[in-house]
Amino acid sequence: MRDLDHLVGSATAVMCVIALAVAATPARAEAAARVAEPGLRVDRLASGELRLTWPGSCLASDDDFEVYAGALGDPGSFAPVACTTGGLTTLSFVPAAGGRMFLVVPRNATNEGSYGIDGAGDERRPAAGACLPQEVGVCPIVSPLAGFDDPTAGYRESYDSTQAEVELQLLPPGPSLRGYVVASGLKPHFTYQVKLAGVPGTPSNEAIGLTGRWWQEDWSGSAWVNGQNLNDKGDGSSPSPNDVLYSARRDVADATSPTGLHYRFTGYLPFEHFTTDAGGCALLAFEQHSSYHTDDPETTVTVFGEWERLPPGGVPLPAEAAKPISS
């Protein structure tokens, strides 16, 4: 997490959810191995108030909540809006003027929880006027691999991608595309690619493809088939061999196609990745300024594998080492 300052914490446990400024869109969850449930939401009401709604703490002993607000981009400016919500998971109030960020921290009778972590993975400091002393613990994590005799194989066979929840929060327009991704219900210990994809036939699609890569499909007479990446990136200079091929094929006519063209191209730009934790959760703050497939020159690396004893399967412990140790 790089520039996140709007979080939901947990008394005696770290926080679970984040919100961004005053956007009327869902926000996201906190750091990977500590996510409880994503879903902090900030809505602007017709009355001029903001309504914050959140799913609750990952600890049953956290029976109340605090709400903090600060100047956008300044985590040191957090100050209490409410030191208690009476146990409710929603609060409406009139915000101060200017860009604001909000932090919801679960609490119990004596302590408040974590304010989340910064980009270096360190705990954020409590507010100068904190409502209660802080106590940070660990949220209970139940791995989706639990309960399988063969966890990896069993989970692969039973996993359904519809159980995943991935939320995207974009920051206001600026020099680059920036925002946040919060994910839960994904495959545990799995790395996912983040990419910007266009809609075939639109100007933005071509702009994305000329910056990143192309996915090409052919019209068979009844369906789009033979989906494939155009992978010849050349020496990285523009136009790449991919772009030359795209230009040569994008206007090839086909009267049977719904678009009137034989080829369909989708531009996409891979620019980030994240790896889930044991619970299939992840948090990512991103800024799009590079492409994994275009910026790095070709290089050669060496991998050294060190063997211990041979042959495989022929290295049993000696009988003496296998004896139980008496107490």
Protein backbone atom coordinates (compact mmCIF):
# COMPACT_ATOMS: atom_id res chain seq x y z
CA MET A 1 0.00 0.00 0.00
CA ARG A 2 1.64 3.25 -1.10
CA ASP A 3 -0.53 6.30 -0.44
CA LEU A 4 -3.45 4.93 1.51
CA ASP A 5 -4.61 6.96 4.42
CA HIS A 6 -8.23 5.91 4.77
CA LEU A 7 -8.60 2.66 6.62
CA VAL A 8 -10.68 0.56 8.96
CA GLY A 9 -8.84 -1.03 11.86
CA SER A 10 -9.61 -3.45 14.65
CA ALA A 11 -9.25 -3.12 18.39
CA THR A 12 -6.71 -5.75 19.46
CA ALA A 13 -6.50 -6.66 15.79
CA VAL A 14 -5.43 -4.92 12.64
CA MET A 15 -7.82 -3.19 10.40
CA CYS A 16 -10.03 -4.60 7.78
CA VAL A 17 -11.31 -1.98 5.35
CA ILE A 18 -10.49 1.34 3.63
CA ALA A 19 -12.41 4.29 2.17
CA LEU A 20 -11.22 6.94 -0.25
CA ALA A 21 -12.02 10.63 0.30
CA VAL A 22 -15.66 11.48 -0.45
CA ALA A 23 -16.22 9.23 -3.44
CA ALA A 24 -19.66 7.63 -3.56
CA THR A 25 -18.21 4.28 -4.55
CA PRO A 26 -17.22 1.17 -2.60
CA ALA A 27 -13.80 1.27 -1.02
CA ARG A 28 -11.49 -1.57 -0.22
CA ALA A 29 -9.92 -3.87 2.27
CA GLU A 30 -6.70 -3.73 4.19
CA ALA A 31 -3.45 -5.62 4.07
CA ALA A 32 -3.34 -9.11 2.64
CA ALA A 33 -2.94 -11.52 5.56
CA ARG A 34 -5.15 -9.40 7.81
CA VAL A 35 -8.27 -8.77 5.77
CA ALA A 36 -11.54 -9.57 7.47
CA GLU A 37 -14.19 -8.33 5.07
CA PRO A 38 -13.97 -5.61 2.39
CA GLY A 39 -16.73 -3.08 1.95
CA LEU A 40 -16.31 0.32 3.65
CA ARG A 41 -18.53 2.70 1.68
CA VAL A 42 -18.75 6.49 1.59
CA ASP A 43 -21.92 8.08 0.15
CA ARG A 44 -22.81 11.75 -0.26
CA LEU A 45 -26.39 12.43 0.84
CA ALA A 46 -28.76 15.08 -0.53
CA SER A 47 -28.58 16.81 2.86
CA GLY A 48 -24.87 17.50 2.30
CA GLU A 49 -23.86 14.89 4.85
CA LEU A 50 -21.57 11.95 4.19
CA ARG A 51 -22.70 8.50 5.23
CA LEU A 52 -20.01 5.94 6.06
CA THR A 53 -21.02 2.28 6.18
CA TRP A 54 -18.68 -0.59 7.01
CA PRO A 55 -18.98 -4.36 7.55
CA GLY A 56 -17.64 -4.57 11.10
CA SER A 57 -14.56 -5.88 12.84
CA CYS A 58 -12.84 -9.20 12.37
CA LEU A 59 -12.96 -9.69 16.14
CA ALA A 60 -16.24 -10.35 17.95
CA SER A 61 -14.88 -8.54 21.02
CA ASP A 62 -14.75 -5.25 19.10
CA ASP A 63 -18.27 -4.04 19.78
CA ASP A 64 -17.93 -0.34 18.92
CA PHE A 65 -16.20 1.94 16.39
CA GLU A 66 -14.40 5.26 16.10
CA VAL A 67 -14.42 7.50 13.01
CA TYR A 68 -11.48 9.77 12.16
CA ALA A 69 -11.10 12.33 9.37
CA GLY A 70 -8.06 14.11 7.95
CA ALA A 71 -6.87 16.27 5.07
CA LEU A 72 -6.50 14.23 1.90
CA GLY A 73 -2.94 12.98 1.56
CA ASP A 74 -1.89 13.89 5.12
CA PRO A 75 -2.16 10.86 7.44
CA GLY A 76 -0.78 12.95 10.30
CA SER A 77 -3.89 15.13 10.27
CA PHE A 78 -6.39 12.53 11.46
CA ALA A 79 -8.70 13.77 14.23
CA PRO A 80 -11.79 12.17 15.77
CA VAL A 81 -15.19 12.71 14.17
CA ALA A 82 -16.79 10.31 16.65
CA CYS A 83 -15.17 8.24 19.40
CA THR A 84 -18.17 5.92 19.45
CA THR A 85 -20.98 4.96 17.11
CA GLY A 86 -22.89 3.13 19.81
CA GLY A 87 -21.96 -0.15 18.15
CA LEU A 88 -23.51 0.85 14.81
CA THR A 89 -21.64 0.17 11.56
CA THR A 90 -22.76 3.44 9.95
CA LEU A 91 -22.37 7.15 10.69
CA SER A 92 -23.63 10.28 8.92
CA PHE A 93 -22.03 13.70 9.43
CA VAL A 94 -21.16 16.95 7.66
CA PRO A 95 -17.49 16.84 6.57
CA ALA A 96 -15.06 19.73 6.80
CA ALA A 97 -14.34 21.60 3.57
CA GLY A 98 -11.71 20.40 1.11
CA GLY A 99 -10.47 16.95 0.16
CA ARG A 100 -10.97 14.60 3.11
CA MET A 101 -10.01 11.05 4.00
CA PHE A 102 -11.70 8.87 6.57
CA LEU A 103 -10.60 6.14 8.92
CA VAL A 104 -12.85 3.75 10.85
CA VAL A 105 -11.20 1.98 13.77
CA PRO A 106 -12.98 -0.79 15.71
CA ARG A 107 -12.66 -0.60 19.48
CA ASN A 108 -13.63 -2.37 22.64
CA ALA A 109 -14.22 -0.91 26.09
CA THR A 110 -10.58 -0.03 26.72
CA ASN A 111 -8.59 0.04 23.47
CA GLU A 112 -8.75 0.99 19.82
CA GLY A 113 -7.22 -1.07 17.02
CA SER A 114 -4.78 -0.55 14.17
CA TYR A 115 -4.83 2.38 11.74
CA GLY A 116 -3.54 0.08 9.01
CA ILE A 117 -0.09 -0.11 7.46
CA ASP A 118 1.84 2.24 5.22
CA GLY A 119 3.69 1.52 1.97
CA ALA A 120 6.70 0.16 3.87
CA GLY A 121 4.51 -2.33 5.72
CA ASP A 122 4.79 -0.44 9.03
CA GLU A 123 1.90 0.31 11.36
CA ARG A 124 0.55 3.84 11.02
CA ARG A 125 0.79 5.99 14.13
CA PRO A 126 -2.36 6.72 16.14
CA ALA A 127 -3.91 10.16 15.79
CA ALA A 128 -2.57 12.91 18.04
CA GLY A 129 -5.99 13.13 19.72
CA ALA A 130 -6.72 9.39 19.70
CA CYS A 131 -9.93 8.34 21.42
CA LEU A 132 -8.36 5.42 23.30
CA PRO A 133 -4.97 3.77 23.85
CA GLN A 134 -4.09 1.47 20.96
CA GLU A 135 -3.71 -2.29 21.12
CA VAL A 136 -2.91 -4.16 17.91
CA GLY A 137 -3.28 -7.90 17.45
CA VAL A 138 -3.94 -10.30 14.58
CA CYS A 139 -7.26 -11.10 12.94
CA PRO A 140 -8.12 -14.80 12.78
CA ILE A 141 -7.52 -16.17 9.30
CA VAL A 142 -9.24 -19.32 8.04
CA SER A 143 -7.51 -20.67 4.97
CA PRO A 144 -9.78 -21.93 2.19
CA LEU A 145 -7.36 -24.86 1.89
CA ALA A 146 -8.38 -26.19 5.31
CA GLY A 147 -10.35 -29.42 5.39
CA PHE A 148 -8.88 -31.05 2.28
CA ASP A 149 -6.89 -34.29 2.54
CA ASP A 150 -4.88 -33.04 -0.43
CA PRO A 151 -5.30 -29.26 0.07
CA THR A 152 -3.87 -28.02 -3.20
CA ALA A 153 -5.59 -30.52 -5.49
CA GLY A 154 -8.85 -30.40 -3.56
CA TYR A 155 -9.02 -26.63 -3.65
CA ARG A 156 -8.18 -26.48 -7.36
CA GLU A 157 -11.01 -28.87 -8.14
CA SER A 158 -13.58 -27.09 -5.97
CA TYR A 159 -12.65 -23.44 -6.62
CA ASP A 160 -15.27 -21.32 -8.36
CA SER A 161 -14.21 -17.88 -9.58
CA THR A 162 -17.70 -16.51 -8.90
CA GLN A 163 -16.89 -16.59 -5.17
CA ALA A 164 -14.23 -13.91 -5.67
CA GLU A 165 -14.82 -10.24 -4.86
CA VAL A 166 -12.50 -7.68 -6.43
CA GLU A 167 -13.12 -3.96 -5.98
CA LEU A 168 -11.49 -1.10 -7.88
CA GLN A 169 -11.19 2.47 -6.59
CA LEU A 170 -9.74 5.11 -8.94
CA LEU A 171 -8.17 8.33 -7.73
CA PRO A 172 -9.09 11.61 -9.47
CA PRO A 173 -7.59 12.08 -12.98
CA GLY A 174 -3.93 13.08 -12.99
CA PRO A 175 -0.66 12.50 -14.84
CA SER A 176 -1.12 8.72 -14.51
CA LEU A 177 -3.81 6.16 -13.78
CA ARG A 178 -3.80 5.59 -10.02
CA GLY A 179 -6.02 3.72 -7.65
CA TYR A 180 -6.52 0.77 -5.36
CA VAL A 181 -7.55 -2.86 -5.70
CA VAL A 182 -8.92 -4.95 -2.86
CA ALA A 183 -9.61 -8.62 -3.42
CA SER A 184 -11.03 -11.50 -1.42
CA GLY A 185 -12.17 -15.01 -2.28
CA LEU A 186 -9.35 -15.52 -4.78
CA LYS A 187 -6.98 -18.49 -4.92
CA PRO A 188 -4.61 -18.46 -1.93
CA HIS A 189 -0.90 -17.84 -2.52
CA PHE A 190 -1.64 -17.06 -6.16
CA THR A 191 -0.22 -14.22 -8.25
CA TYR A 192 -2.64 -12.23 -10.43
CA GLN A 193 -1.88 -9.79 -13.23
CA VAL A 194 -3.41 -6.32 -13.31
CA LYS A 195 -4.02 -4.89 -16.76
CA LEU A 196 -5.96 -2.17 -18.54
CA ALA A 197 -8.04 -3.59 -21.41
CA GLY A 198 -9.88 -1.75 -24.16
CA VAL A 199 -13.11 -2.37 -26.06
CA PRO A 200 -12.50 -3.47 -29.67
CA GLY A 201 -13.37 -0.83 -32.23
CA THR A 202 -13.06 2.19 -29.93
CA PRO A 203 -10.38 4.93 -30.09
CA SER A 204 -9.30 4.18 -26.52
CA ASN A 205 -8.80 0.51 -27.42
CA GLU A 206 -6.26 1.44 -30.10
CA ALA A 207 -4.47 3.85 -27.77
CA ILE A 208 -4.15 1.12 -25.13
CA GLY A 209 -2.93 -1.46 -27.66
CA LEU A 210 -0.32 0.86 -29.16
CA THR A 211 0.99 1.47 -25.65
CA GLY A 212 0.78 -2.14 -24.50
CA ARG A 213 -0.09 -5.33 -26.41
CA TRP A 214 -2.69 -6.87 -28.75
CA TRP A 215 -5.06 -9.82 -28.39
CA GLN A 216 -6.12 -11.02 -31.84
CA GLU A 217 -9.16 -13.13 -32.81
CA ASP A 218 -10.34 -14.38 -36.22
CA TRP A 219 -13.91 -14.57 -37.51
CA SER A 220 -14.67 -18.18 -38.47
CA GLY A 221 -17.95 -17.37 -40.21
CA SER A 222 -19.95 -17.96 -37.04
CA ALA A 223 -17.78 -17.03 -34.06
CA TRP A 224 -14.59 -15.28 -32.96
CA VAL A 225 -11.90 -17.97 -32.66
CA ASN A 226 -8.13 -18.51 -32.44
CA GLY A 227 -7.57 -15.96 -29.69
CA GLN A 228 -3.87 -15.28 -29.30
CA ASN A 229 -1.37 -12.70 -28.14
CA LEU A 230 0.74 -10.90 -30.70
CA ASN A 231 4.04 -11.61 -29.00
CA ASP A 232 6.80 -10.29 -31.29
CA LYS A 233 7.92 -7.24 -29.34
CA GLY A 234 11.07 -6.65 -31.42
CA ASP A 235 13.68 -4.46 -29.72
CA GLY A 236 11.09 -2.49 -27.75
CA SER A 237 11.06 0.50 -30.07
CA SER A 238 7.88 1.84 -31.66
CA PRO A 239 6.23 0.68 -33.82
CA SER A 240 6.78 -2.87 -32.64
CA PRO A 241 6.28 -5.83 -35.00
CA ASN A 242 2.97 -6.32 -33.17
CA ASP A 243 1.84 -2.83 -34.17
CA VAL A 244 2.91 -3.37 -37.78
CA LEU A 245 0.87 -6.59 -37.93
CA TYR A 246 -2.10 -4.90 -36.28
CA SER A 247 -2.02 -2.07 -38.82
CA ALA A 248 -1.84 -4.57 -41.69
CA ARG A 249 -4.79 -6.63 -40.46
CA ARG A 250 -7.18 -4.29 -38.64
CA ASP A 251 -9.05 -3.24 -41.82
CA VAL A 252 -9.22 -6.65 -43.54
CA ALA A 253 -12.87 -6.97 -44.56
CA ASP A 254 -15.16 -9.93 -43.96
CA ALA A 255 -18.79 -9.53 -45.00
CA THR A 256 -19.91 -12.38 -42.70
CA SER A 257 -18.50 -10.75 -39.56
CA PRO A 258 -20.75 -8.71 -37.23
CA THR A 259 -18.15 -5.91 -37.42
CA GLY A 260 -17.51 -6.25 -41.17
CA LEU A 261 -13.89 -7.14 -40.36
CA HIS A 262 -12.08 -10.48 -40.34
CA TYR A 263 -9.94 -9.73 -37.28
CA ARG A 264 -10.91 -8.42 -33.88
CA PHE A 265 -8.22 -6.78 -31.74
CA THR A 266 -8.33 -6.00 -28.03
CA GLY A 267 -5.64 -3.67 -26.74
CA TYR A 268 -4.37 -4.37 -23.23
CA LEU A 269 -1.64 -3.05 -20.98
CA PRO A 270 -0.29 -5.24 -18.14
CA PHE A 271 1.18 -2.91 -15.52
CA GLU A 272 0.97 -4.49 -12.07
CA HIS A 273 0.55 -7.74 -10.16
CA PHE A 274 -0.36 -8.89 -6.67
CA THR A 275 -0.09 -12.12 -4.70
CA THR A 276 -2.86 -13.30 -2.40
CA ASP A 277 -2.37 -14.48 1.17
CA ALA A 278 -3.41 -17.77 2.77
CA GLY A 279 -7.03 -16.56 2.84
CA GLY A 280 -7.15 -15.60 -0.84
CA CYS A 281 -7.09 -11.87 -0.01
CA ALA A 282 -4.90 -9.05 -1.33
CA LEU A 283 -4.53 -5.29 -1.26
CA LEU A 284 -2.80 -3.22 -3.96
CA ALA A 285 -2.22 0.49 -4.45
CA PHE A 286 -1.21 1.01 -8.07
CA GLU A 287 0.06 3.65 -10.44
CA GLN A 288 0.23 2.89 -14.16
CA HIS A 289 3.50 4.19 -15.58
CA SER A 290 5.17 1.08 -17.03
CA SER A 291 4.32 -2.08 -18.93
CA TYR A 292 5.88 -5.37 -17.97
CA HIS A 293 6.06 -6.31 -21.63
CA THR A 294 7.65 -3.25 -23.20
CA ASP A 295 10.01 -1.42 -20.87
CA ASP A 296 12.62 -4.04 -19.93
CA PRO A 297 15.34 -5.02 -22.42
CA GLU A 298 16.17 -8.66 -23.02
CA THR A 299 18.68 -10.07 -20.54
CA THR A 300 20.21 -13.38 -19.53
CA VAL A 301 20.00 -14.78 -16.02
CA THR A 302 21.56 -17.87 -14.46
CA VAL A 303 19.75 -20.21 -12.10
CA PHE A 304 21.84 -22.50 -9.90
CA GLY A 305 20.19 -25.57 -8.43
CA GLU A 306 22.15 -27.13 -5.57
CA TRP A 307 21.64 -30.87 -5.06
CA GLU A 308 22.03 -32.45 -1.62
CA ARG A 309 22.10 -36.25 -1.89
CA LEU A 310 21.19 -38.62 -4.69
CA PRO A 311 19.20 -40.53 -5.80
CA PRO A 312 15.69 -39.05 -5.30
CA GLY A 313 13.65 -41.30 -3.04
CA GLY A 314 16.75 -43.05 -1.78
CA VAL A 315 17.61 -40.89 1.19
CA PRO A 316 15.72 -42.38 4.18
CA LEU A 317 16.65 -41.38 7.70
CA PRO A 318 18.84 -43.99 9.46
CA ALA A 319 17.02 -46.07 12.06
CA GLU A 320 18.79 -44.27 14.91
CA ALA A 321 17.54 -40.89 13.74
CA ALA A 322 13.97 -42.19 13.48
CA LYS A 323 13.80 -43.32 17.13
CA PRO A 324 11.47 -41.26 19.36
CA ILE A 325 13.12 -38.94 21.87
CA SER A 326 12.32 -39.83 25.46
CA SER A 327 11.20 -37.07 27.78
